[in-house]
């Protein structure tokens, strides 16, 4: 097999056009898959984010429950002290000691009231967070159902097209190795510039098969001679003669 740089212009054009045909078929399979791969990835990322939020809510709820437990302990300690002070009041010898114990008892009652108030606040926050968590879990479940459905759909398409896509990709890789590096870089760059991935197009009805702008007669003549690699002056795509397709078909049939 001749080296890429030793090929004639016509051979190079045929290789480019053949590669374009193969890559276009691969693109068609990509269109068949549509946005499913991206949607699957986006859903997976979204679910991870939602689950992180759910974990943070659970952590927050656990924190409030710990606060309630601390407030409960504070109340119990205050109640124990109240009983102790009330018992001591029965044994005091003067009013000053009795009043001092009375103030301590009042302080412990205030401590209990404050602890109960804080507990009510924490319970209210728990209810709020649990409501948010329930809504979040419902959303997560729906997203997971949607993800499962899209994965099944994508799997069906992959199963139906995997063999063909693998074969085409091997053909594409083989064709790329036959094309000189300079042309390959240009081809890749042009393909990336257009959504339809068309870098090599035929001249149809005197116009560029990519952008449909008119091609001058002299340029059409030069394209037909296949002695130069010419590009559309409007879109930059490589132009080939329309009959290059029939030539290739004839070769494939022989």
C-alpha atoms as a PDB file:
ATOM      1  CA  UNK A   1       0.000   0.000   0.000  1.00  0.00           C
ATOM      2  CA  UNK A   2       1.326   3.436  -0.921  1.00  0.00           C
ATOM      3  CA  UNK A   3       2.217   5.867   1.803  1.00  0.00           C
ATOM      4  CA  UNK A   4      -0.323   8.625   2.495  1.00  0.00           C
ATOM      5  CA  UNK A   5       1.962  11.355   1.143  1.00  0.00           C
ATOM      6  CA  UNK A   6       2.626   9.372  -2.069  1.00  0.00           C
ATOM      7  CA  UNK A   7      -1.033   9.101  -3.060  1.00  0.00           C
ATOM      8  CA  UNK A   8      -2.461  11.071  -5.967  1.00  0.00           C
ATOM      9  CA  UNK A   9      -4.901  13.902  -5.301  1.00  0.00           C
ATOM     10  CA  UNK A  10      -7.713  11.755  -6.684  1.00  0.00           C
ATOM     11  CA  UNK A  11      -6.835   8.933  -4.295  1.00  0.00           C
ATOM     12  CA  UNK A  12      -6.731  11.363  -1.393  1.00  0.00           C
ATOM     13  CA  UNK A  13     -10.129  12.765  -2.331  1.00  0.00           C
ATOM     14  CA  UNK A  14     -11.602   9.285  -2.554  1.00  0.00           C
ATOM     15  CA  UNK A  15     -10.192   8.386   0.853  1.00  0.00           C
ATOM     16  CA  UNK A  16     -11.610  11.578   2.356  1.00  0.00           C
ATOM     17  CA  UNK A  17     -14.991  11.011   0.761  1.00  0.00           C
ATOM     18  CA  UNK A  18     -15.058   7.371   1.881  1.00  0.00           C
ATOM     19  CA  UNK A  19     -14.151   8.422   5.427  1.00  0.00           C
ATOM     20  CA  UNK A  20     -16.912  11.028   5.356  1.00  0.00           C
ATOM     21  CA  UNK A  21     -19.459   8.374   4.310  1.00  0.00           C
ATOM     22  CA  UNK A  22     -18.385   6.100   7.182  1.00  0.00           C
ATOM     23  CA  UNK A  23     -18.344   8.887   9.766  1.00  0.00           C
ATOM     24  CA  UNK A  24     -21.750  10.109   8.577  1.00  0.00           C
ATOM     25  CA  UNK A  25     -23.195   6.648   9.248  1.00  0.00           C
ATOM     26  CA  UNK A  26     -21.667   6.738  12.739  1.00  0.00           C
ATOM     27  CA  UNK A  27     -23.241  10.169  13.197  1.00  0.00           C
ATOM     28  CA  UNK A  28     -26.613   8.745  12.163  1.00  0.00           C
ATOM     29  CA  UNK A  29     -26.366   6.175  14.948  1.00  0.00           C
ATOM     30  CA  UNK A  30     -25.526   9.018  17.335  1.00  0.00           C
ATOM     31  CA  UNK A  31     -28.651  10.847  16.169  1.00  0.00           C
ATOM     32  CA  UNK A  32     -30.648   7.667  16.771  1.00  0.00           C
ATOM     33  CA  UNK A  33     -29.403   7.647  20.358  1.00  0.00           C
ATOM     34  CA  UNK A  34     -30.255  11.328  20.469  1.00  0.00           C
ATOM     35  CA  UNK A  35     -29.651  13.142  23.737  1.00  0.00           C
ATOM     36  CA  UNK A  36     -30.175   9.976  25.789  1.00  0.00           C
ATOM     37  CA  UNK A  37     -26.530   9.504  26.886  1.00  0.00           C
ATOM     38  CA  UNK A  38     -26.346  13.138  28.005  1.00  0.00           C
ATOM     39  CA  UNK A  39     -29.747  12.908  29.705  1.00  0.00           C
ATOM     40  CA  UNK A  40     -28.678   9.750  31.549  1.00  0.00           C
ATOM     41  CA  UNK A  41     -25.478  11.443  32.796  1.00  0.00           C
ATOM     42  CA  UNK A  42     -27.377  14.586  33.805  1.00  0.00           C
ATOM     43  CA  UNK A  43     -29.969  12.546  35.716  1.00  0.00           C
ATOM     44  CA  UNK A  44     -27.249  10.572  37.502  1.00  0.00           C
ATOM     45  CA  UNK A  45     -25.527  13.816  38.532  1.00  0.00           C
ATOM     46  CA  UNK A  46     -28.841  15.337  39.629  1.00  0.00           C
ATOM     47  CA  UNK A  47     -29.695  12.292  41.755  1.00  0.00           C
ATOM     48  CA  UNK A  48     -26.273  12.447  43.441  1.00  0.00           C
ATOM     49  CA  UNK A  49     -26.911  16.115  44.248  1.00  0.00           C
ATOM     50  CA  UNK A  50     -30.394  15.386  45.611  1.00  0.00           C
ATOM     51  CA  UNK A  51     -29.124  12.495  47.719  1.00  0.00           C
ATOM     52  CA  UNK A  52     -26.416  14.763  49.144  1.00  0.00           C
ATOM     53  CA  UNK A  53     -29.102  17.283  50.117  1.00  0.00           C
ATOM     54  CA  UNK A  54     -31.150  14.468  51.697  1.00  0.00           C
ATOM     55  CA  UNK A  55     -28.120  13.308  53.688  1.00  0.00           C
ATOM     56  CA  UNK A  56     -27.546  16.873  54.922  1.00  0.00           C
ATOM     57  CA  UNK A  57     -31.206  17.140  55.969  1.00  0.00           C
ATOM     58  CA  UNK A  58     -30.969  13.855  57.889  1.00  0.00           C
ATOM     59  CA  UNK A  59     -27.813  15.106  59.577  1.00  0.00           C
ATOM     60  CA  UNK A  60     -29.591  18.331  60.486  1.00  0.00           C
ATOM     61  CA  UNK A  61     -32.577  16.401  61.910  1.00  0.00           C
ATOM     62  CA  UNK A  62     -30.243  14.220  63.996  1.00  0.00           C
ATOM     63  CA  UNK A  63     -28.605  17.395  65.318  1.00  0.00           C
ATOM     64  CA  UNK A  64     -31.963  18.828  66.456  1.00  0.00           C
ATOM     65  CA  UNK A  65     -32.857  15.515  68.121  1.00  0.00           C
ATOM     66  CA  UNK A  66     -29.592  15.661  70.045  1.00  0.00           C
ATOM     67  CA  UNK A  67     -30.471  19.214  71.135  1.00  0.00           C
ATOM     68  CA  UNK A  68     -33.891  18.031  72.354  1.00  0.00           C
ATOM     69  CA  UNK A  69     -32.177  15.247  74.326  1.00  0.00           C
ATOM     70  CA  UNK A  70     -29.844  17.810  75.909  1.00  0.00           C
ATOM     71  CA  UNK A  71     -32.764  20.070  76.801  1.00  0.00           C
ATOM     72  CA  UNK A  72     -34.581  17.093  78.310  1.00  0.00           C
ATOM     73  CA  UNK A  73     -31.548  16.298  80.465  1.00  0.00           C
ATOM     74  CA  UNK A  74     -31.365  19.931  81.526  1.00  0.00           C
ATOM     75  CA  UNK A  75     -35.027  19.802  82.606  1.00  0.00           C
ATOM     76  CA  UNK A  76     -34.500  16.580  84.562  1.00  0.00           C
ATOM     77  CA  UNK A  77     -31.457  18.015  86.313  1.00  0.00           C
ATOM     78  CA  UNK A  78     -33.449  21.140  87.173  1.00  0.00           C
ATOM     79  CA  UNK A  79     -36.327  19.042  88.547  1.00  0.00           C
ATOM     80  CA  UNK A  80     -33.871  17.072  90.708  1.00  0.00           C
ATOM     81  CA  UNK A  81     -32.429  20.309  92.054  1.00  0.00           C
ATOM     82  CA  UNK A  82     -35.903  21.680  92.758  1.00  0.00           C
ATOM     83  CA  UNK A  83     -36.729  18.585  94.848  1.00  0.00           C
ATOM     84  CA  UNK A  84     -33.433  18.946  96.692  1.00  0.00           C
ATOM     85  CA  UNK A  85     -33.953  22.654  97.408  1.00  0.00           C
ATOM     86  CA  UNK A  86     -37.540  22.050  98.546  1.00  0.00           C
ATOM     87  CA  UNK A  87     -36.276  19.369 100.901  1.00  0.00           C
ATOM     88  CA  UNK A  88     -33.601  21.732 102.221  1.00  0.00           C
ATOM     89  CA  UNK A  89     -36.211  24.439 102.825  1.00  0.00           C
ATOM     90  CA  UNK A  90     -37.784  22.198 105.447  1.00  0.00           C
ATOM     91  CA  UNK A  91     -34.548  22.178 107.427  1.00  0.00           C
ATOM     92  CA  UNK A  92     -33.502  25.848 107.233  1.00  0.00           C
ATOM     93  CA  UNK A  93     -33.115  27.828 110.461  1.00  0.00           C
ATOM     94  CA  UNK A  94     -33.822  31.368 109.206  1.00  0.00           C
ATOM     95  CA  UNK A  95     -35.687  33.344 106.531  1.00  0.00           C
ATOM     96  CA  UNK A  96     -32.530  34.357 104.680  1.00  0.00           C
ATOM     97  CA  UNK A  97     -31.636  30.743 103.918  1.00  0.00           C
ATOM     98  CA  UNK A  98     -35.271  29.994 102.981  1.00  0.00           C
ATOM     99  CA  UNK A  99     -35.399  32.928 100.541  1.00  0.00           C
ATOM    100  CA  UNK A 100     -32.072  31.935  99.007  1.00  0.00           C
ATOM    101  CA  UNK A 101     -33.394  28.425  98.359  1.00  0.00           C
ATOM    102  CA  UNK A 102     -36.628  29.902  96.993  1.00  0.00           C
ATOM    103  CA  UNK A 103     -34.640  31.941  94.448  1.00  0.00           C
ATOM    104  CA  UNK A 104     -32.714  28.827  93.444  1.00  0.00           C
ATOM    105  CA  UNK A 105     -35.985  26.979  92.946  1.00  0.00           C
ATOM    106  CA  UNK A 106     -37.317  29.853  90.800  1.00  0.00           C
ATOM    107  CA  UNK A 107     -34.140  29.806  88.741  1.00  0.00           C
ATOM    108  CA  UNK A 108     -34.518  26.082  88.111  1.00  0.00           C
ATOM    109  CA  UNK A 109     -38.140  26.566  87.034  1.00  0.00           C
ATOM    110  CA  UNK A 110     -36.953  29.218  84.577  1.00  0.00           C
ATOM    111  CA  UNK A 111     -34.306  26.781  83.386  1.00  0.00           C
ATOM    112  CA  UNK A 112     -37.028  24.183  82.759  1.00  0.00           C
ATOM    113  CA  UNK A 113     -39.181  26.711  80.870  1.00  0.00           C
ATOM    114  CA  UNK A 114     -36.237  27.779  78.734  1.00  0.00           C
ATOM    115  CA  UNK A 115     -35.325  24.149  77.983  1.00  0.00           C
ATOM    116  CA  UNK A 116     -38.943  23.378  77.033  1.00  0.00           C
ATOM    117  CA  UNK A 117     -39.065  26.453  74.783  1.00  0.00           C
ATOM    118  CA  UNK A 118     -35.868  25.423  73.016  1.00  0.00           C
ATOM    119  CA  UNK A 119     -37.187  21.858  72.670  1.00  0.00           C
ATOM    120  CA  UNK A 120     -40.387  23.140  71.046  1.00  0.00           C
ATOM    121  CA  UNK A 121     -38.292  25.182  68.648  1.00  0.00           C
ATOM    122  CA  UNK A 122     -36.149  22.161  67.745  1.00  0.00           C
ATOM    123  CA  UNK A 123     -39.257  19.996  67.286  1.00  0.00           C
ATOM    124  CA  UNK A 124     -40.728  22.617  64.953  1.00  0.00           C
ATOM    125  CA  UNK A 125     -37.522  22.641  62.907  1.00  0.00           C
ATOM    126  CA  UNK A 126     -37.526  18.838  62.792  1.00  0.00           C
ATOM    127  CA  UNK A 127     -41.088  18.844  61.422  1.00  0.00           C
ATOM    128  CA  UNK A 128     -40.053  21.407  58.807  1.00  0.00           C
ATOM    129  CA  UNK A 129     -36.941  19.446  57.814  1.00  0.00           C
ATOM    130  CA  UNK A 130     -38.834  16.126  57.729  1.00  0.00           C
ATOM    131  CA  UNK A 131     -41.412  17.659  55.397  1.00  0.00           C
ATOM    132  CA  UNK A 132     -38.627  18.893  53.127  1.00  0.00           C
ATOM    133  CA  UNK A 133     -36.975  15.474  53.316  1.00  0.00           C
ATOM    134  CA  UNK A 134     -40.200  13.665  52.364  1.00  0.00           C
ATOM    135  CA  UNK A 135     -40.632  15.933  49.335  1.00  0.00           C
ATOM    136  CA  UNK A 136     -36.969  15.458  48.425  1.00  0.00           C
ATOM    137  CA  UNK A 137     -37.166  11.659  48.691  1.00  0.00           C
ATOM    138  CA  UNK A 138     -40.269  11.678  46.500  1.00  0.00           C
ATOM    139  CA  UNK A 139     -38.372  13.736  43.920  1.00  0.00           C
ATOM    140  CA  UNK A 140     -35.391  11.354  44.127  1.00  0.00           C
ATOM    141  CA  UNK A 141     -37.647   8.341  43.544  1.00  0.00           C
ATOM    142  CA  UNK A 142     -39.233   9.979  40.508  1.00  0.00           C
ATOM    143  CA  UNK A 143     -35.820  10.881  39.092  1.00  0.00           C
ATOM    144  CA  UNK A 144     -34.625   7.303  39.626  1.00  0.00           C
ATOM    145  CA  UNK A 145     -37.688   5.960  37.812  1.00  0.00           C
ATOM    146  CA  UNK A 146     -37.015   8.381  34.954  1.00  0.00           C
ATOM    147  CA  UNK A 147     -33.340   7.349  34.909  1.00  0.00           C
ATOM    148  CA  UNK A 148     -34.207   3.640  34.817  1.00  0.00           C
ATOM    149  CA  UNK A 149     -36.599   4.199  31.898  1.00  0.00           C
ATOM    150  CA  UNK A 150     -33.991   6.164  29.924  1.00  0.00           C
ATOM    151  CA  UNK A 151     -31.311   3.550  30.657  1.00  0.00           C
ATOM    152  CA  UNK A 152     -33.593   0.807  29.336  1.00  0.00           C
ATOM    153  CA  UNK A 153     -34.330   2.851  26.207  1.00  0.00           C
ATOM    154  CA  UNK A 154     -30.642   3.617  25.660  1.00  0.00           C
ATOM    155  CA  UNK A 155     -29.671  -0.015  26.250  1.00  0.00           C
ATOM    156  CA  UNK A 156     -32.123  -1.146  23.564  1.00  0.00           C
ATOM    157  CA  UNK A 157     -30.638   1.297  21.051  1.00  0.00           C
ATOM    158  CA  UNK A 158     -27.068   0.343  21.973  1.00  0.00           C
ATOM    159  CA  UNK A 159     -27.903  -3.350  21.648  1.00  0.00           C
ATOM    160  CA  UNK A 160     -29.456  -2.772  18.230  1.00  0.00           C
ATOM    161  CA  UNK A 161     -26.644  -0.591  16.882  1.00  0.00           C
ATOM    162  CA  UNK A 162     -23.550  -1.696  18.803  1.00  0.00           C
ATOM    163  CA  UNK A 163     -22.341  -4.231  16.245  1.00  0.00           C
ATOM    164  CA  UNK A 164     -22.819  -1.855  13.313  1.00  0.00           C
ATOM    165  CA  UNK A 165     -21.240   1.061  15.184  1.00  0.00           C
ATOM    166  CA  UNK A 166     -18.214  -1.042  16.170  1.00  0.00           C
ATOM    167  CA  UNK A 167     -17.721  -2.184  12.562  1.00  0.00           C
ATOM    168  CA  UNK A 168     -18.045   1.368  11.252  1.00  0.00           C
ATOM    169  CA  UNK A 169     -15.640   2.722  13.855  1.00  0.00           C
ATOM    170  CA  UNK A 170     -13.015   0.149  12.843  1.00  0.00           C
ATOM    171  CA  UNK A 171     -13.466   1.167   9.199  1.00  0.00           C
ATOM    172  CA  UNK A 172     -13.171   4.822  10.157  1.00  0.00           C
ATOM    173  CA  UNK A 173      -9.967   4.178  12.109  1.00  0.00           C
ATOM    174  CA  UNK A 174      -8.463   2.233   9.190  1.00  0.00           C
ATOM    175  CA  UNK A 175      -9.356   4.991   6.733  1.00  0.00           C
ATOM    176  CA  UNK A 176      -7.843   7.672   8.952  1.00  0.00           C
ATOM    177  CA  UNK A 177      -4.504   5.828   8.975  1.00  0.00           C
ATOM    178  CA  UNK A 178      -4.398   6.022   5.171  1.00  0.00           C
ATOM    179  CA  UNK A 179      -4.842   9.808   5.118  1.00  0.00           C
ATOM    180  CA  UNK A 180      -1.887  12.121   5.635  1.00  0.00           C
ATOM    181  CA  UNK A 181      -1.775  14.011   8.917  1.00  0.00           C
ATOM    182  CA  UNK A 182      -2.267  17.477   7.396  1.00  0.00           C
ATOM    183  CA  UNK A 183      -5.466  16.454   5.604  1.00  0.00           C
ATOM    184  CA  UNK A 184      -6.688  14.536   8.648  1.00  0.00           C
ATOM    185  CA  UNK A 185      -6.311  17.593  10.870  1.00  0.00           C
ATOM    186  CA  UNK A 186      -8.194  19.738   8.349  1.00  0.00           C
ATOM    187  CA  UNK A 187     -10.957  17.125   8.029  1.00  0.00           C
ATOM    188  CA  UNK A 188     -11.369  16.851  11.816  1.00  0.00           C
ATOM    189  CA  UNK A 189     -11.429  20.628  12.223  1.00  0.00           C
ATOM    190  CA  UNK A 190     -14.080  21.107   9.527  1.00  0.00           C
ATOM    191  CA  UNK A 191     -16.220  18.268  10.912  1.00  0.00           C
ATOM    192  CA  UNK A 192     -16.139  19.872  14.327  1.00  0.00           C
ATOM    193  CA  UNK A 193     -17.250  23.218  12.926  1.00  0.00           C
ATOM    194  CA  UNK A 194     -20.630  21.921  11.708  1.00  0.00           C
ATOM    195  CA  UNK A 195     -23.430  20.209  13.590  1.00  0.00           C
ATOM    196  CA  UNK A 196     -24.006  17.688  10.812  1.00  0.00           C
ATOM    197  CA  UNK A 197     -20.298  16.780  10.756  1.00  0.00           C
ATOM    198  CA  UNK A 198     -20.035  17.177   6.986  1.00  0.00           C
ATOM    199  CA  UNK A 199     -16.469  18.060   6.030  1.00  0.00           C
ATOM    200  CA  UNK A 200     -16.445  16.555   2.512  1.00  0.00           C
ATOM    201  CA  UNK A 201     -19.375  17.242   0.186  1.00  0.00           C
ATOM    202  CA  UNK A 202     -20.204  16.807  -3.484  1.00  0.00           C
ATOM    203  CA  UNK A 203     -21.098  19.551  -5.909  1.00  0.00           C
ATOM    204  CA  UNK A 204     -24.826  19.216  -6.572  1.00  0.00           C
ATOM    205  CA  UNK A 205     -26.670  21.325  -9.155  1.00  0.00           C
ATOM    206  CA  UNK A 206     -23.663  23.627  -9.460  1.00  0.00           C
ATOM    207  CA  UNK A 207     -23.735  24.310  -5.724  1.00  0.00           C
ATOM    208  CA  UNK A 208     -21.850  23.272  -2.610  1.00  0.00           C
ATOM    209  CA  UNK A 209     -23.533  20.237  -1.017  1.00  0.00           C
ATOM    210  CA  UNK A 210     -22.853  21.721   2.408  1.00  0.00           C
ATOM    211  CA  UNK A 211     -23.858  25.386   2.345  1.00  0.00           C
ATOM    212  CA  UNK A 212     -25.652  25.338  -1.058  1.00  0.00           C
ATOM    213  CA  UNK A 213     -23.826  28.399  -2.342  1.00  0.00           C
ATOM    214  CA  UNK A 214     -23.129  28.443  -6.070  1.00  0.00           C
ATOM    215  CA  UNK A 215     -19.748  27.140  -7.255  1.00  0.00           C
ATOM    216  CA  UNK A 216     -18.131  29.040 -10.182  1.00  0.00           C
ATOM    217  CA  UNK A 217     -17.943  27.035 -13.480  1.00  0.00           C
ATOM    218  CA  UNK A 218     -14.116  27.195 -13.616  1.00  0.00           C
ATOM    219  CA  UNK A 219     -13.888  25.796 -10.093  1.00  0.00           C
ATOM    220  CA  UNK A 220     -16.368  23.038 -10.969  1.00  0.00           C
ATOM    221  CA  UNK A 221     -14.153  22.083 -13.892  1.00  0.00           C
ATOM    222  CA  UNK A 222     -11.098  21.882 -11.636  1.00  0.00           C
ATOM    223  CA  UNK A 223     -13.048  19.793  -9.101  1.00  0.00           C
ATOM    224  CA  UNK A 224     -14.009  17.366 -11.868  1.00  0.00           C
ATOM    225  CA  UNK A 225     -10.366  17.006 -12.919  1.00  0.00           C
ATOM    226  CA  UNK A 226      -9.453  15.898  -9.364  1.00  0.00           C
ATOM    227  CA  UNK A 227      -5.964  17.352  -9.540  1.00  0.00           C
ATOM    228  CA  UNK A 228      -6.379  19.754  -6.612  1.00  0.00           C
ATOM    229  CA  UNK A 229      -8.016  19.573  -3.205  1.00  0.00           C
ATOM    230  CA  UNK A 230     -10.456  22.466  -3.349  1.00  0.00           C
ATOM    231  CA  UNK A 231     -12.687  23.869  -0.633  1.00  0.00           C
ATOM    232  CA  UNK A 232     -15.861  25.908  -0.755  1.00  0.00           C
ATOM    233  CA  UNK A 233     -15.016  29.599  -0.483  1.00  0.00           C
ATOM    234  CA  UNK A 234     -18.133  30.122   1.634  1.00  0.00           C
ATOM    235  CA  UNK A 235     -18.109  27.274   4.194  1.00  0.00           C
ATOM    236  CA  UNK A 236     -14.609  25.786   3.870  1.00  0.00           C
ATOM    237  CA  UNK A 237     -15.797  22.208   3.203  1.00  0.00           C
ATOM    238  CA  UNK A 238     -13.784  19.987   0.872  1.00  0.00           C
ATOM    239  CA  UNK A 239     -15.523  19.710  -2.493  1.00  0.00           C
ATOM    240  CA  UNK A 240     -15.594  16.573  -4.656  1.00  0.00           C
ATOM    241  CA  UNK A 241     -17.253  15.816  -7.972  1.00  0.00           C
ATOM    242  CA  UNK A 242     -20.705  14.246  -7.775  1.00  0.00           C
ATOM    243  CA  UNK A 243     -19.597  11.277  -9.910  1.00  0.00           C
ATOM    244  CA  UNK A 244     -17.004  10.238  -7.332  1.00  0.00           C
ATOM    245  CA  UNK A 245     -19.870   8.445  -5.598  1.00  0.00           C
ATOM    246  CA  UNK A 246     -20.758   6.351  -8.661  1.00  0.00           C
ATOM    247  CA  UNK A 247     -17.081   5.512  -9.117  1.00  0.00           C
ATOM    248  CA  UNK A 248     -16.890   4.236  -5.569  1.00  0.00           C
ATOM    249  CA  UNK A 249     -20.089   2.245  -5.914  1.00  0.00           C
ATOM    250  CA  UNK A 250     -18.725   0.574  -9.063  1.00  0.00           C
ATOM    251  CA  UNK A 251     -15.504  -0.286  -7.249  1.00  0.00           C
ATOM    252  CA  UNK A 252     -17.372  -1.762  -4.297  1.00  0.00           C
ATOM    253  CA  UNK A 253     -19.494  -3.939  -6.646  1.00  0.00           C
ATOM    254  CA  UNK A 254     -16.480  -5.312  -8.527  1.00  0.00           C
END
